[in-house]
Amino acid sequence: MWGNKSSQDNTDVYFTFVLKLRASHLWVAPYSSYQQFLYDTIVRHQKNGWNYQQIAEWLNENDYKTPRGHKFLNAHAQSIVKKKHLRDARLTKRYPPRLSDFAISFVDKTLINKTSD
């Protein structure tokens, strides 16, 4: 009705909640083309049945160095593969959004809306 206010007009209702988002892919440490080349080379040799010692020897014989400029050991070859797998798993992991702390608030505006006659 025009000109008449119901009790609902004097109350505002607010629905509040907390939304938590987690993302691990927003900043990615750079992976150089040389690191990618080493990883691809090591994996290719692994598929051909080579062990890490054989791969490290081949890399040294062909004058390749670790990303930090050292001579290859079998542990370096293994570490490159392991860290690449961990990196890929971390970057592709997705976290579902979480909603919590739900609340409904009622604000009585009777005194605010009261007209002085």
Protein backbone atom coordinates (compact mmCIF):
# COMPACT_ATOMS: atom_id res chain seq x y z
CA MET A 1 0.00 0.00 0.00
CA TRP A 2 1.18 3.45 -0.82
CA GLY A 3 2.16 5.59 2.14
CA ASN A 4 2.00 2.81 4.71
CA LYS A 5 5.12 1.04 5.89
CA SER A 6 5.05 -2.55 6.96
CA SER A 7 7.30 -3.88 9.69
CA GLN A 8 9.50 -5.38 6.96
CA ASP A 9 10.39 -1.90 5.69
CA ASN A 10 12.02 -1.15 9.04
CA THR A 11 14.35 -4.15 8.95
CA ASP A 12 17.33 -4.78 6.70
CA VAL A 13 18.53 -8.35 6.36
CA TYR A 14 22.17 -9.14 5.58
CA PHE A 15 23.59 -12.53 4.68
CA THR A 16 27.33 -12.64 5.34
CA PHE A 17 29.98 -15.30 4.82
CA VAL A 18 33.72 -15.77 4.41
CA LEU A 19 35.09 -17.07 1.12
CA LYS A 20 38.63 -18.48 1.23
CA LEU A 21 40.48 -19.04 -2.02
CA ARG A 22 43.86 -20.71 -2.30
CA ALA A 23 45.87 -20.71 -5.50
CA SER A 24 49.38 -22.00 -6.04
CA HIS A 25 49.63 -21.09 -9.71
CA LEU A 26 49.55 -17.29 -9.50
CA TRP A 27 53.33 -16.92 -9.34
CA VAL A 28 55.49 -19.48 -11.08
CA ALA A 29 59.25 -19.59 -10.67
CA PRO A 30 60.81 -19.52 -14.13
CA TYR A 31 61.93 -22.83 -15.63
CA SER A 32 64.63 -22.14 -18.19
CA SER A 33 64.79 -23.71 -21.62
CA TYR A 34 68.08 -25.37 -20.56
CA GLN A 35 66.39 -26.95 -17.52
CA GLN A 36 63.59 -28.19 -19.79
CA PHE A 37 66.17 -29.57 -22.25
CA LEU A 38 67.96 -31.45 -19.45
CA TYR A 39 64.70 -32.88 -18.14
CA ASP A 40 63.57 -33.99 -21.61
CA THR A 41 66.99 -35.54 -22.31
CA ILE A 42 67.08 -37.44 -19.01
CA VAL A 43 63.53 -38.75 -19.44
CA ARG A 44 64.25 -39.80 -23.04
CA HIS A 45 67.29 -41.80 -21.90
CA GLN A 46 65.28 -43.33 -19.04
CA LYS A 47 62.69 -44.55 -21.53
CA ASN A 48 65.53 -46.22 -23.43
CA GLY A 49 66.40 -48.17 -20.27
CA TRP A 50 69.33 -46.12 -19.01
CA ASN A 51 69.91 -45.60 -15.29
CA TYR A 52 70.85 -42.26 -13.72
CA GLN A 53 74.57 -43.12 -13.62
CA GLN A 54 74.62 -43.83 -17.36
CA ILE A 55 72.68 -40.65 -18.07
CA ALA A 56 75.07 -38.55 -15.95
CA GLU A 57 78.08 -40.06 -17.74
CA TRP A 58 76.52 -39.33 -21.15
CA LEU A 59 75.76 -35.72 -20.17
CA ASN A 60 79.36 -35.23 -18.96
CA GLU A 61 80.82 -36.84 -22.11
CA ASN A 62 78.77 -34.42 -24.20
CA ASP A 63 79.94 -31.40 -22.15
CA TYR A 64 76.62 -30.62 -20.49
CA LYS A 65 76.69 -29.06 -17.03
CA THR A 66 74.09 -28.90 -14.29
CA PRO A 67 71.98 -25.71 -14.23
CA ARG A 68 74.47 -24.38 -11.66
CA GLY A 69 77.46 -25.17 -13.85
CA HIS A 70 78.76 -28.35 -12.17
CA LYS A 71 79.71 -31.75 -13.51
CA PHE A 72 76.80 -34.21 -13.52
CA LEU A 73 76.45 -36.94 -10.93
CA ASN A 74 73.70 -39.55 -10.96
CA ALA A 75 72.04 -37.69 -8.06
CA HIS A 76 71.83 -34.53 -10.19
CA ALA A 77 69.97 -36.35 -12.95
CA GLN A 78 67.60 -37.94 -10.44
CA SER A 79 67.03 -34.60 -8.71
CA ILE A 80 66.12 -32.85 -11.97
CA VAL A 81 63.41 -35.42 -12.69
CA LYS A 82 62.12 -35.49 -9.11
CA LYS A 83 61.94 -31.70 -8.77
CA LYS A 84 60.23 -31.31 -12.15
CA HIS A 85 57.54 -33.80 -11.12
CA LEU A 86 57.03 -32.02 -7.78
CA ARG A 87 56.86 -28.65 -9.54
CA ASP A 88 54.31 -29.87 -12.07
CA ALA A 89 52.17 -31.43 -9.33
CA ARG A 90 52.25 -28.20 -7.31
CA LEU A 91 51.33 -26.02 -10.29
CA THR A 92 48.46 -28.20 -11.49
CA LYS A 93 46.89 -28.76 -8.07
CA ARG A 94 43.60 -26.96 -7.68
CA TYR A 95 42.00 -26.16 -4.36
CA PRO A 96 38.22 -25.93 -3.99
CA PRO A 97 36.86 -22.65 -2.60
CA ARG A 98 35.79 -22.85 1.04
CA LEU A 99 32.81 -21.01 2.44
CA SER A 100 32.49 -20.54 6.20
CA ASP A 101 31.20 -18.30 8.96
CA PHE A 102 27.68 -17.95 7.60
CA ALA A 103 25.51 -15.41 9.37
CA ILE A 104 22.24 -13.59 8.96
CA SER A 105 22.02 -10.14 10.50
CA PHE A 106 18.88 -8.13 11.04
CA VAL A 107 19.13 -4.37 11.46
CA ASP A 108 16.09 -2.71 12.97
CA LYS A 109 15.70 0.73 11.41
CA THR A 110 12.59 1.72 13.36
CA LEU A 111 14.28 4.69 15.03
CA ILE A 112 16.05 5.73 11.83
CA ASN A 113 12.90 5.61 9.71
CA LYS A 114 10.65 7.20 12.32
CA THR A 115 9.16 10.37 10.93
CA SER A 116 8.64 13.28 13.21
CA ASP A 117 5.04 14.43 13.13
